[in-house]
């Protein structure tokens, strides 16, 4: 680990970027879910409503996965600071 001119290590910067990426993914999915829920309540047919609700279920599951990753990162940082790079990230979409 080398220190940057600001006193941060490369690992600190890497961790900061990782946290930012995860936070961005969570925020994007939460925003999508809000809009999808509104669409479900406004759907004109049962078929449309069912399709939207199915999509919501998938997105909810994906959001839960991102939140688990965020929790794992925080746990790794608190208890295993050297191992945070070993956390597997899901494919970015």
Protein backbone atom coordinates (compact mmCIF):
# COMPACT_ATOMS: atom_id res chain seq x y z
CA UNK A 1 0.00 0.00 0.00
CA UNK A 2 1.32 3.38 -0.95
CA UNK A 3 0.13 6.67 0.43
CA UNK A 4 -1.24 9.28 -1.94
CA UNK A 5 -0.34 12.96 -1.59
CA UNK A 6 -3.56 13.48 0.39
CA UNK A 7 -2.53 10.81 2.89
CA UNK A 8 -4.98 8.17 1.67
CA UNK A 9 -3.76 4.76 0.62
CA UNK A 10 -4.54 3.22 -2.75
CA UNK A 11 -6.69 0.68 -0.89
CA UNK A 12 -8.70 3.51 0.71
CA UNK A 13 -9.35 5.02 -2.71
CA UNK A 14 -10.29 1.63 -4.13
CA UNK A 15 -12.71 1.05 -1.27
CA UNK A 16 -14.21 4.51 -1.73
CA UNK A 17 -14.85 3.80 -5.43
CA UNK A 18 -16.35 0.41 -4.60
CA UNK A 19 -18.72 1.96 -2.05
CA UNK A 20 -19.70 4.66 -4.56
CA UNK A 21 -20.46 2.05 -7.26
CA UNK A 22 -22.58 0.02 -4.88
CA UNK A 23 -24.44 3.10 -3.61
CA UNK A 24 -25.13 4.14 -7.21
CA UNK A 25 -26.52 0.70 -8.08
CA UNK A 26 -28.77 0.72 -5.01
CA UNK A 27 -30.03 4.25 -5.70
CA UNK A 28 -30.77 3.44 -9.36
CA UNK A 29 -32.72 0.33 -8.45
CA UNK A 30 -34.67 2.09 -5.70
CA UNK A 31 -35.65 4.85 -8.14
CA UNK A 32 -36.73 2.27 -10.70
CA UNK A 33 -38.83 0.46 -8.11
CA UNK A 34 -40.68 3.65 -7.15
CA UNK A 35 -41.60 4.35 -10.75
CA UNK A 36 -42.57 0.72 -11.39
CA UNK A 37 -44.84 0.65 -8.32
CA UNK A 38 -46.59 3.77 -9.60
CA UNK A 39 -47.01 2.11 -12.99
CA UNK A 40 -48.49 -0.99 -11.38
CA UNK A 41 -51.15 1.04 -9.60
CA UNK A 42 -52.02 2.83 -12.85
CA UNK A 43 -52.05 -0.27 -15.07
CA UNK A 44 -55.25 -0.55 -17.09
CA UNK A 45 -55.43 -4.33 -17.37
CA UNK A 46 -54.74 -7.24 -15.06
CA UNK A 47 -52.24 -8.58 -17.60
CA UNK A 48 -50.24 -5.34 -17.52
CA UNK A 49 -50.40 -5.20 -13.73
CA UNK A 50 -49.21 -8.81 -13.42
CA UNK A 51 -46.27 -8.18 -15.77
CA UNK A 52 -45.25 -5.09 -13.81
CA UNK A 53 -45.57 -6.92 -10.48
CA UNK A 54 -43.42 -9.77 -11.79
CA UNK A 55 -40.77 -7.28 -12.90
CA UNK A 56 -41.00 -5.60 -9.49
CA UNK A 57 -40.35 -8.91 -7.76
CA UNK A 58 -37.21 -9.46 -9.83
CA UNK A 59 -35.97 -5.91 -9.21
CA UNK A 60 -36.69 -6.20 -5.48
CA UNK A 61 -34.61 -9.36 -5.37
CA UNK A 62 -31.78 -7.67 -7.26
CA UNK A 63 -31.90 -4.68 -4.89
CA UNK A 64 -31.73 -7.01 -1.90
CA UNK A 65 -28.62 -8.57 -3.44
CA UNK A 66 -26.94 -5.18 -3.79
CA UNK A 67 -27.79 -4.35 -0.18
CA UNK A 68 -26.24 -7.66 0.92
CA UNK A 69 -23.09 -6.78 -1.01
CA UNK A 70 -22.98 -3.37 0.67
CA UNK A 71 -23.30 -5.03 4.07
CA UNK A 72 -20.54 -7.53 3.20
CA UNK A 73 -18.24 -4.69 2.15
CA UNK A 74 -18.84 -2.84 5.40
CA UNK A 75 -18.32 -6.02 7.41
CA UNK A 76 -15.11 -6.78 5.55
CA UNK A 77 -13.84 -3.26 6.15
CA UNK A 78 -14.64 -3.41 9.86
CA UNK A 79 -13.40 -6.91 10.59
CA UNK A 80 -11.09 -7.84 7.73
CA UNK A 81 -9.72 -4.63 6.23
CA UNK A 82 -7.13 -6.39 4.08
CA UNK A 83 -9.63 -8.70 2.44
CA UNK A 84 -12.13 -6.23 1.00
CA UNK A 85 -10.77 -6.78 -2.51
CA UNK A 86 -11.84 -10.42 -2.39
CA UNK A 87 -15.54 -9.54 -2.35
CA UNK A 88 -17.17 -10.58 -5.60
CA UNK A 89 -19.14 -7.91 -7.42
CA UNK A 90 -22.12 -8.85 -9.61
CA UNK A 91 -21.94 -7.92 -13.26
CA UNK A 92 -22.70 -4.25 -13.79
CA UNK A 93 -25.64 -3.55 -16.08
